[in-house]
Amino acid sequence: MITPTEFPYITSIHVNDCYTYQNFDIDLVKHQPFSHLILTGKNGSGKSTILKHIDNFIYQTQLNVKRENAADKVLVTKIVEVNKAIERKDLYHADLIKMSVEEHYKNEYKKISIKFSQEILPFFFKLKNTFYSFLLPYRNSKEIDDVNAPINQEKFEKELEDNSSSNFFIKSFKQFLVNKKVNQAFALLDNNKEEIEKIGVFFRNIEEIFGNIFEDNQLRLTFDKDNYEFFIELSDGRKLTFNILPDGFSAFLSILMDLFTRLDLIRKSVGNFTYDPCGIVLIDEPETHLHLSLQYQVLPILTKLFPNVQFIVATHSPAVISSIKNVTVFDLTSKEIMSDEAVGKSFSELMVSHFGLDNEFSSITDEIFDEFNTVLKETRNDIDLRKEKLKQLMRKHDQYISPTMRFELEAKLSE
């Protein structure tokens, strides 16, 4: 088992070319044993591009590991071309296309360079006891595959290892749970108390986490053995399957489906179901479809569940930025670094400092301020007329004026 002092966490990234910006460093704050990284910035600043290049950099260290990259249309097209050429027994052109694919990866590999806390070896992320996943922004649990029967556990685990993309893990989650239930039933028949307890703890943990997400501590995960279906039963009587969840819950649960499956496989491989594996997880827009309260919870939940995993995320959400400690926040637009002080900032401060807004108010509020400023200019030499017109504007826009805005406007009345 690898410990946090042995694992190669990312400590620094040099960006040679992320299309929009070139030649700069992202140095992570030296928290021990690692710092999480949150990338922010305006649209087009390169957040998703850098995540993709980190993924490709790590891919290059494990040359013999299969990897699905649905986001890279160029590569997928070339792989299809290779397969078609092989089917035609046109091995000459198949080799040419393969060389093109390899050159593509080499060129992409040059986009960034990464420094790690330890020497990174080609096999590191190939080990069964380490975590690695790249979760794209377009994810949900609604595309989870239906299950018709339990399948051979050894064969199923081999499929998961050979198809290590996040999408495959999410699609296979129900099959993973069905196999768990079948193993639990056999353990009961054999009176295998240790196995019964391990599987029981697994399902209790899932119920607890799902309960936190749905804000329902009476939530239960039930199993229909006749149809191989799982239901999320809420205290208000609703019964939901993974395929009919609201988009926000679906997006969040898809992250957990991927990571829970990997965690269980790792713990089984090391024979220790209390082991917290080390690893790196990339998440593009963890706030996708989430209500603000869940945006604030997503990283605290993940960092608590996976304490030895370094999370590297790209986000547009001030709630995500301010939700955890031991983090480096890097603004790709301004190239500024912020560490734990982000936790103490209000959402409005972050919207101005890290998301490019001119101020914390809405555009309608800006228009109201413009009206007030116009009155101030036009009545500079008539104080009584100024106060009367400002009062009229206050009455006109009363329903749109927040307490904070009212305080600022009333200050203008007293000028």
Protein backbone atom coordinates (compact mmCIF):
# COMPACT_ATOMS: atom_id res chain seq x y z
CA MET A 1 0.00 0.00 0.00
CA ILE A 2 1.30 3.46 -0.95
CA THR A 3 1.27 6.19 1.71
CA PRO A 4 0.80 9.95 1.11
CA THR A 5 4.52 10.52 1.73
CA GLU A 6 5.33 8.10 -1.11
CA PHE A 7 2.73 9.14 -3.66
CA PRO A 8 3.65 11.63 -6.46
CA TYR A 9 1.17 14.47 -5.93
CA ILE A 10 1.27 17.40 -8.34
CA THR A 11 3.23 20.35 -6.95
CA SER A 12 3.65 22.57 -10.01
CA ILE A 13 2.43 22.92 -13.59
CA HIS A 14 4.17 24.83 -16.36
CA VAL A 15 1.83 25.73 -19.21
CA ASN A 16 3.66 25.98 -22.51
CA ASP A 17 0.52 26.47 -24.57
CA CYS A 18 -3.14 26.27 -23.62
CA TYR A 19 -4.25 28.08 -26.79
CA THR A 20 -5.44 31.25 -25.09
CA TYR A 21 -2.39 31.78 -22.87
CA GLN A 22 1.20 30.53 -23.01
CA ASN A 23 4.31 30.19 -20.88
CA PHE A 24 3.29 30.55 -17.25
CA ASP A 25 3.57 28.54 -14.03
CA ILE A 26 0.96 27.29 -11.60
CA ASP A 27 2.79 26.66 -8.33
CA LEU A 28 0.69 24.91 -5.73
CA VAL A 29 0.88 26.16 -2.14
CA LYS A 30 3.01 23.79 -0.07
CA HIS A 31 0.36 22.21 2.11
CA GLN A 32 1.29 18.82 3.52
CA PRO A 33 1.09 16.22 2.17
CA PHE A 34 -0.47 18.02 -0.84
CA SER A 35 -2.59 20.94 -1.97
CA HIS A 36 -5.79 20.63 -3.95
CA LEU A 37 -5.94 22.88 -7.02
CA ILE A 38 -8.92 24.93 -8.22
CA LEU A 39 -8.64 26.61 -11.63
CA THR A 40 -10.84 29.65 -12.24
CA GLY A 41 -11.09 32.30 -14.92
CA LYS A 42 -13.35 33.65 -17.62
CA ASN A 43 -14.71 31.44 -20.39
CA GLY A 44 -11.95 30.69 -22.87
CA SER A 45 -9.14 31.16 -20.34
CA GLY A 46 -8.07 27.52 -20.67
CA LYS A 47 -9.45 25.76 -17.58
CA SER A 48 -10.79 22.68 -19.36
CA THR A 49 -7.84 22.65 -21.77
CA ILE A 50 -5.33 22.45 -18.92
CA LEU A 51 -7.26 19.60 -17.26
CA LYS A 52 -7.19 17.73 -20.55
CA HIS A 53 -3.44 18.28 -20.87
CA ILE A 54 -2.84 17.10 -17.28
CA ASP A 55 -4.80 13.97 -18.15
CA ASN A 56 -2.71 13.47 -21.27
CA PHE A 57 0.55 14.07 -19.36
CA ILE A 58 -0.38 11.34 -16.90
CA TYR A 59 -1.46 9.12 -19.79
CA GLN A 60 1.99 9.48 -21.30
CA THR A 61 3.50 7.98 -18.14
CA GLN A 62 1.56 4.75 -18.59
CA LEU A 63 2.15 3.83 -22.21
CA ASN A 64 0.56 0.39 -22.04
CA VAL A 65 -2.66 1.42 -20.28
CA LYS A 66 -5.80 1.58 -22.39
CA ARG A 67 -7.61 4.87 -22.20
CA GLU A 68 -10.87 6.15 -23.66
CA ASN A 69 -10.91 9.85 -24.44
CA ALA A 70 -14.34 10.60 -25.86
CA ALA A 71 -13.65 14.32 -25.71
CA ASP A 72 -10.83 14.08 -28.27
CA LYS A 73 -12.70 13.73 -31.56
CA VAL A 74 -9.52 13.78 -33.62
CA LEU A 75 -8.07 10.81 -31.77
CA VAL A 76 -11.33 8.84 -31.77
CA THR A 77 -11.64 9.35 -35.53
CA LYS A 78 -8.08 8.13 -36.09
CA ILE A 79 -8.65 5.04 -33.94
CA VAL A 80 -11.76 4.22 -36.01
CA GLU A 81 -9.65 4.65 -39.15
CA VAL A 82 -7.02 2.27 -37.76
CA ASN A 83 -9.66 -0.37 -37.02
CA LYS A 84 -11.18 -0.03 -40.48
CA ALA A 85 -7.75 -0.32 -42.11
CA ILE A 86 -7.03 -3.47 -40.10
CA GLU A 87 -10.40 -4.92 -41.13
CA ARG A 88 -9.45 -4.29 -44.77
CA LYS A 89 -6.09 -5.97 -44.00
CA ASP A 90 -4.47 -2.73 -45.10
CA LEU A 91 -1.72 -2.91 -42.49
CA TYR A 92 0.46 -0.34 -44.25
CA HIS A 93 -2.09 2.45 -43.83
CA ALA A 94 -3.02 1.20 -40.36
CA ASP A 95 0.62 1.69 -39.30
CA LEU A 96 0.69 5.18 -40.85
CA ILE A 97 -2.45 6.20 -38.94
CA LYS A 98 -1.03 4.74 -35.70
CA MET A 99 2.09 6.86 -36.19
CA SER A 100 -0.21 9.86 -36.62
CA VAL A 101 -1.96 9.02 -33.34
CA GLU A 102 1.38 8.70 -31.53
CA GLU A 103 2.53 12.03 -32.97
CA HIS A 104 -0.73 13.60 -31.82
CA TYR A 105 -0.08 12.49 -28.25
CA LYS A 106 3.52 13.63 -28.38
CA ASN A 107 2.45 17.10 -29.54
CA GLU A 108 -0.22 17.29 -26.86
CA TYR A 109 2.33 16.12 -24.29
CA LYS A 110 4.40 19.23 -25.02
CA LYS A 111 1.56 21.56 -24.06
CA ILE A 112 2.36 21.39 -20.33
CA SER A 113 4.95 19.95 -17.98
CA ILE A 114 4.27 18.82 -14.42
CA LYS A 115 6.38 18.53 -11.30
CA PHE A 116 5.46 15.94 -8.67
CA SER A 117 6.28 15.60 -4.98
CA GLN A 118 7.96 12.27 -5.71
CA GLU A 119 9.59 10.72 -8.76
CA ILE A 120 6.75 9.64 -11.04
CA LEU A 121 7.27 6.21 -12.55
CA PRO A 122 5.60 4.95 -15.73
CA PHE A 123 3.64 2.34 -13.79
CA PHE A 124 2.50 4.53 -10.88
CA PHE A 125 -1.07 5.16 -12.04
CA LYS A 126 -1.29 1.61 -13.29
CA LEU A 127 -1.09 0.19 -9.79
CA LYS A 128 -4.29 -1.31 -8.40
CA ASN A 129 -3.88 0.51 -5.11
CA THR A 130 -3.79 4.08 -6.48
CA PHE A 131 -6.57 6.39 -7.60
CA TYR A 132 -6.82 8.18 -10.91
CA SER A 133 -9.88 9.52 -12.72
CA PHE A 134 -10.81 12.35 -15.08
CA LEU A 135 -14.48 13.40 -14.80
CA LEU A 136 -15.72 15.49 -17.71
CA PRO A 137 -18.43 18.16 -17.24
CA TYR A 138 -21.10 16.28 -19.23
CA ARG A 139 -21.83 13.45 -16.84
CA ASN A 140 -24.97 11.99 -15.32
CA SER A 141 -26.26 8.76 -13.81
CA LYS A 142 -29.20 8.55 -16.22
CA GLU A 143 -27.16 6.60 -18.76
CA ILE A 144 -26.30 3.89 -16.26
CA ASP A 145 -26.68 0.45 -17.86
CA ASP A 146 -29.61 -1.75 -16.88
CA VAL A 147 -28.80 -5.11 -15.30
CA ASN A 148 -30.37 -8.39 -16.37
CA ALA A 149 -28.39 -10.74 -14.15
CA PRO A 150 -25.32 -10.88 -11.90
CA ILE A 151 -22.11 -11.64 -13.78
CA ASN A 152 -18.91 -13.38 -12.81
CA GLN A 153 -17.15 -11.08 -10.34
CA GLU A 154 -13.64 -11.83 -11.55
CA LYS A 155 -14.65 -11.19 -15.17
CA PHE A 156 -16.47 -7.99 -14.21
CA GLU A 157 -13.49 -6.62 -12.30
CA LYS A 158 -11.25 -7.42 -15.26
CA GLU A 159 -13.61 -5.40 -17.51
CA LEU A 160 -13.40 -2.44 -15.12
CA GLU A 161 -9.61 -2.59 -15.09
CA ASP A 162 -9.43 -2.80 -18.90
CA ASN A 163 -11.93 0.03 -19.44
CA SER A 164 -10.82 2.54 -16.86
CA SER A 165 -12.63 5.59 -18.28
CA SER A 166 -14.97 7.42 -15.94
CA ASN A 167 -17.86 6.93 -18.36
CA PHE A 168 -17.48 3.14 -18.24
CA PHE A 169 -17.34 3.12 -14.43
CA ILE A 170 -20.53 5.20 -14.19
CA LYS A 171 -22.39 3.02 -16.70
CA SER A 172 -21.35 -0.10 -14.78
CA PHE A 173 -22.31 1.15 -11.31
CA LYS A 174 -25.65 -0.70 -11.09
CA GLN A 175 -23.96 -3.94 -12.16
CA PHE A 176 -21.35 -3.28 -9.48
CA LEU A 177 -24.08 -2.90 -6.83
CA VAL A 178 -26.00 -5.99 -8.04
CA ASN A 179 -22.84 -8.08 -7.74
CA LYS A 180 -22.38 -6.69 -4.23
CA LYS A 181 -25.90 -7.77 -3.28
CA VAL A 182 -25.37 -11.26 -4.71
CA ASN A 183 -22.10 -11.61 -2.78
CA GLN A 184 -23.93 -10.46 0.35
CA ALA A 185 -26.57 -13.17 -0.16
CA PHE A 186 -23.92 -15.90 -0.56
CA ALA A 187 -22.13 -14.58 2.55
CA LEU A 188 -25.40 -14.94 4.50
CA LEU A 189 -25.82 -18.52 3.25
CA ASP A 190 -22.24 -19.34 4.25
CA ASN A 191 -22.56 -17.44 7.53
CA ASN A 192 -19.45 -15.47 6.55
CA LYS A 193 -19.78 -12.77 9.20
CA GLU A 194 -16.73 -10.80 8.09
CA GLU A 195 -17.98 -10.53 4.49
CA ILE A 196 -21.53 -9.72 5.66
CA GLU A 197 -20.20 -6.86 7.77
CA LYS A 198 -17.94 -5.47 5.02
CA ILE A 199 -20.75 -5.35 2.49
CA GLY A 200 -23.16 -3.99 5.09
CA VAL A 201 -20.74 -1.15 5.88
CA PHE A 202 -20.41 -0.42 2.14
CA PHE A 203 -24.17 0.02 1.66
CA ARG A 204 -24.59 1.98 4.91
CA ASN A 205 -21.88 4.39 3.76
CA ILE A 206 -23.64 4.88 0.43
CA GLU A 207 -26.96 5.54 2.18
CA GLU A 208 -25.33 8.10 4.47
CA ILE A 209 -23.68 9.97 1.59
CA PHE A 210 -26.84 9.89 -0.53
CA GLY A 211 -28.76 11.11 2.51
CA ASN A 212 -26.42 14.10 2.82
CA ILE A 213 -26.87 14.96 -0.85
CA PHE A 214 -30.68 14.70 -0.71
CA GLU A 215 -30.74 16.34 2.76
CA ASP A 216 -32.77 13.38 4.04
CA ASN A 217 -31.25 11.37 6.89
CA GLN A 218 -34.01 8.75 6.54
CA LEU A 219 -33.07 7.94 2.94
CA ARG A 220 -32.75 4.24 2.17
CA LEU A 221 -31.24 2.41 -0.79
CA THR A 222 -33.42 -0.65 -1.48
CA PHE A 223 -32.96 -3.53 -3.90
CA ASP A 224 -35.61 -5.26 -6.03
CA LYS A 225 -34.09 -8.71 -6.53
CA ASP A 226 -36.69 -9.74 -9.16
CA ASN A 227 -35.80 -6.88 -11.53
CA TYR A 228 -32.20 -6.22 -10.42
CA GLU A 229 -33.16 -2.62 -9.72
CA PHE A 230 -32.13 -0.21 -6.97
CA PHE A 231 -34.40 2.47 -5.55
CA ILE A 232 -33.52 5.58 -3.60
CA GLU A 233 -36.41 5.80 -1.13
CA LEU A 234 -36.99 9.22 0.45
CA SER A 235 -38.82 9.97 3.68
CA ASP A 236 -41.59 11.77 1.76
CA GLY A 237 -42.52 8.50 0.00
CA ARG A 238 -40.77 9.06 -3.33
CA LYS A 239 -38.91 6.13 -4.90
CA LEU A 240 -36.28 7.10 -7.48
CA THR A 241 -34.05 4.98 -9.69
CA PHE A 242 -30.63 6.18 -10.82
CA ASN A 243 -32.04 6.74 -14.31
CA ILE A 244 -34.75 9.25 -13.30
CA LEU A 245 -32.90 11.52 -10.88
CA PRO A 246 -33.01 15.32 -11.24
CA ASP A 247 -30.01 16.59 -13.22
CA GLY A 248 -28.21 18.08 -10.20
CA PHE A 249 -28.38 14.92 -8.11
CA SER A 250 -27.52 12.84 -11.16
CA ALA A 251 -24.39 14.89 -11.88
CA PHE A 252 -23.18 14.66 -8.27
CA LEU A 253 -23.98 10.95 -7.89
CA SER A 254 -22.15 10.16 -11.13
CA ILE A 255 -18.95 11.45 -9.50
CA LEU A 256 -19.55 9.22 -6.49
CA MET A 257 -20.42 6.22 -8.69
CA ASP A 258 -17.04 6.48 -10.39
CA LEU A 259 -15.03 6.99 -7.20
CA PHE A 260 -16.93 4.51 -5.00
CA THR A 261 -16.34 1.75 -7.55
CA ARG A 262 -12.63 2.52 -7.80
CA LEU A 263 -12.31 2.73 -4.01
CA ASP A 264 -13.93 -0.65 -3.46
CA LEU A 265 -11.74 -2.32 -6.09
CA ILE A 266 -8.60 -0.83 -4.53
CA ARG A 267 -9.58 -1.91 -1.02
CA LYS A 268 -10.30 -5.41 -2.25
CA SER A 269 -6.94 -5.61 -4.07
CA VAL A 270 -5.00 -4.72 -0.90
CA GLY A 271 -7.25 -6.77 1.38
CA ASN A 272 -8.02 -3.82 3.63
CA PHE A 273 -11.49 -2.25 3.59
CA THR A 274 -10.43 0.66 5.79
CA TYR A 275 -7.57 1.70 3.48
CA ASP A 276 -7.72 5.26 2.11
CA PRO A 277 -5.83 5.11 -1.19
CA CYS A 278 -3.73 7.92 -2.61
CA GLY A 279 -4.40 9.38 -6.01
CA ILE A 280 -5.30 12.28 -8.26
CA VAL A 281 -8.80 13.08 -9.53
CA LEU A 282 -9.53 15.72 -12.17
CA ILE A 283 -13.07 17.18 -12.28
CA ASP A 284 -14.24 19.66 -14.87
CA GLU A 285 -17.06 21.81 -13.44
CA PRO A 286 -18.04 19.81 -10.32
CA GLU A 287 -20.92 22.28 -9.85
CA THR A 288 -22.71 21.17 -13.04
CA HIS A 289 -26.52 21.28 -12.51
CA LEU A 290 -26.09 21.72 -8.73
CA HIS A 291 -28.10 24.07 -6.53
CA LEU A 292 -25.89 26.57 -4.66
CA SER A 293 -26.12 24.62 -1.38
CA LEU A 294 -24.88 21.45 -3.10
CA GLN A 295 -22.13 23.39 -4.90
CA TYR A 296 -20.81 24.27 -1.46
CA GLN A 297 -20.93 20.61 -0.34
CA VAL A 298 -19.45 18.77 -3.31
CA LEU A 299 -15.73 19.22 -2.52
CA PRO A 300 -16.08 18.91 1.30
CA ILE A 301 -17.89 15.59 0.80
CA LEU A 302 -15.31 14.30 -1.68
CA THR A 303 -12.26 15.37 0.35
CA LYS A 304 -13.73 13.78 3.48
CA LEU A 305 -14.50 10.50 1.68
CA PHE A 306 -11.12 10.41 -0.07
CA PRO A 307 -8.67 12.15 2.29
CA ASN A 308 -5.51 11.04 0.43
CA VAL A 309 -6.73 12.05 -3.03
CA GLN A 310 -5.60 15.31 -4.61
CA PHE A 311 -8.53 16.97 -6.38
CA ILE A 312 -7.81 19.26 -9.32
CA VAL A 313 -10.92 21.03 -10.57
CA ALA A 314 -11.99 23.73 -12.99
CA THR A 315 -14.95 25.80 -11.87
CA HIS A 316 -17.11 28.89 -12.38
CA SER A 317 -18.55 28.68 -8.86
CA PRO A 318 -17.56 30.90 -5.90
CA ALA A 319 -19.24 28.31 -3.66
CA VAL A 320 -16.79 25.64 -4.84
CA ILE A 321 -13.80 27.98 -4.44
CA SER A 322 -14.62 28.88 -0.84
CA SER A 323 -15.67 25.42 0.35
CA ILE A 324 -12.41 23.69 1.38
CA LYS A 325 -9.05 24.27 3.08
CA ASN A 326 -5.61 23.12 1.90
CA VAL A 327 -6.27 24.46 -1.57
CA THR A 328 -4.53 26.56 -4.20
CA VAL A 329 -6.89 28.74 -6.24
CA PHE A 330 -5.35 29.90 -9.52
CA ASP A 331 -7.05 32.50 -11.71
CA LEU A 332 -6.07 31.83 -15.32
CA THR A 333 -7.21 35.28 -16.41
CA SER A 334 -5.16 37.32 -13.94
CA LYS A 335 -2.53 34.61 -13.13
CA GLU A 336 -3.11 35.32 -9.42
CA ILE A 337 -2.83 32.65 -6.72
CA MET A 338 -5.02 32.50 -3.65
CA SER A 339 -4.79 29.87 -0.92
CA ASP A 340 -6.90 29.31 2.19
CA GLU A 341 -7.96 32.96 2.35
CA ALA A 342 -10.58 32.00 -0.26
CA VAL A 343 -12.47 30.21 2.52
CA GLY A 344 -12.96 33.53 4.32
CA LYS A 345 -14.18 35.52 1.34
CA SER A 346 -17.84 36.21 0.56
CA PHE A 347 -19.34 35.02 -2.70
CA SER A 348 -19.68 38.64 -3.87
CA GLU A 349 -15.95 39.30 -3.24
CA LEU A 350 -15.02 36.20 -5.24
CA MET A 351 -17.34 37.12 -8.10
CA VAL A 352 -15.48 40.41 -8.46
CA SER A 353 -11.93 39.17 -7.75
CA HIS A 354 -12.00 35.81 -9.59
CA PHE A 355 -14.85 35.84 -12.09
CA GLY A 356 -14.37 39.15 -13.83
CA LEU A 357 -17.46 41.01 -12.66
CA ASP A 358 -17.16 44.78 -12.25
CA ASN A 359 -19.07 44.67 -8.95
CA GLU A 360 -21.20 42.39 -6.83
CA PHE A 361 -24.56 43.72 -8.08
CA SER A 362 -26.77 42.66 -10.99
CA SER A 363 -27.01 44.56 -14.29
CA ILE A 364 -30.44 45.92 -13.25
CA THR A 365 -28.88 47.25 -10.07
CA ASP A 366 -26.14 48.88 -12.13
CA GLU A 367 -28.80 50.69 -14.16
CA ILE A 368 -30.40 52.00 -10.93
CA PHE A 369 -27.01 53.25 -9.73
CA ASP A 370 -26.53 54.99 -13.09
CA GLU A 371 -29.83 56.83 -12.59
CA PHE A 372 -28.74 57.96 -9.13
CA ASN A 373 -25.36 59.13 -10.41
CA THR A 374 -27.04 61.09 -13.20
CA VAL A 375 -29.20 62.92 -10.64
CA LEU A 376 -26.12 63.68 -8.57
CA LYS A 377 -24.40 65.29 -11.56
CA GLU A 378 -27.44 67.24 -12.75
CA THR A 379 -28.30 68.65 -9.30
CA ARG A 380 -24.79 69.38 -8.12
CA ASN A 381 -25.72 73.00 -7.26
CA ASP A 382 -29.21 72.36 -5.85
CA ILE A 383 -29.09 70.21 -2.72
CA ASP A 384 -32.85 70.31 -2.03
CA LEU A 385 -33.73 69.29 -5.59
CA ARG A 386 -31.11 66.54 -5.43
CA LYS A 387 -32.59 65.02 -2.26
CA GLU A 388 -36.12 65.16 -3.66
CA LYS A 389 -35.16 63.42 -6.92
CA LEU A 390 -33.14 60.76 -5.09
CA LYS A 391 -36.11 60.03 -2.82
CA GLN A 392 -38.32 59.70 -5.90
CA LEU A 393 -35.90 57.16 -7.37
CA MET A 394 -35.84 55.23 -4.10
CA ARG A 395 -39.65 54.95 -4.19
CA LYS A 396 -39.63 54.05 -7.91
CA HIS A 397 -37.18 51.16 -7.50
CA ASP A 398 -38.04 50.12 -3.95
CA GLN A 399 -38.88 46.48 -4.81
CA TYR A 400 -35.49 45.98 -6.50
CA ILE A 401 -33.32 47.44 -3.75
CA SER A 402 -31.52 44.98 -1.47
CA PRO A 403 -30.45 45.95 2.09
CA THR A 404 -26.81 46.34 0.98
CA MET A 405 -27.78 48.48 -1.99
CA ARG A 406 -30.17 50.57 0.15
CA PHE A 407 -27.32 51.34 2.55
CA GLU A 408 -25.17 52.64 -0.31
CA LEU A 409 -28.00 54.69 -1.84
CA GLU A 410 -28.98 56.26 1.49
CA ALA A 411 -25.36 57.26 1.91
CA LYS A 412 -25.73 59.25 -1.33
CA LEU A 413 -28.81 60.98 0.10
CA SER A 414 -26.72 62.30 2.97
CA GLU A 415 -23.90 63.58 0.75
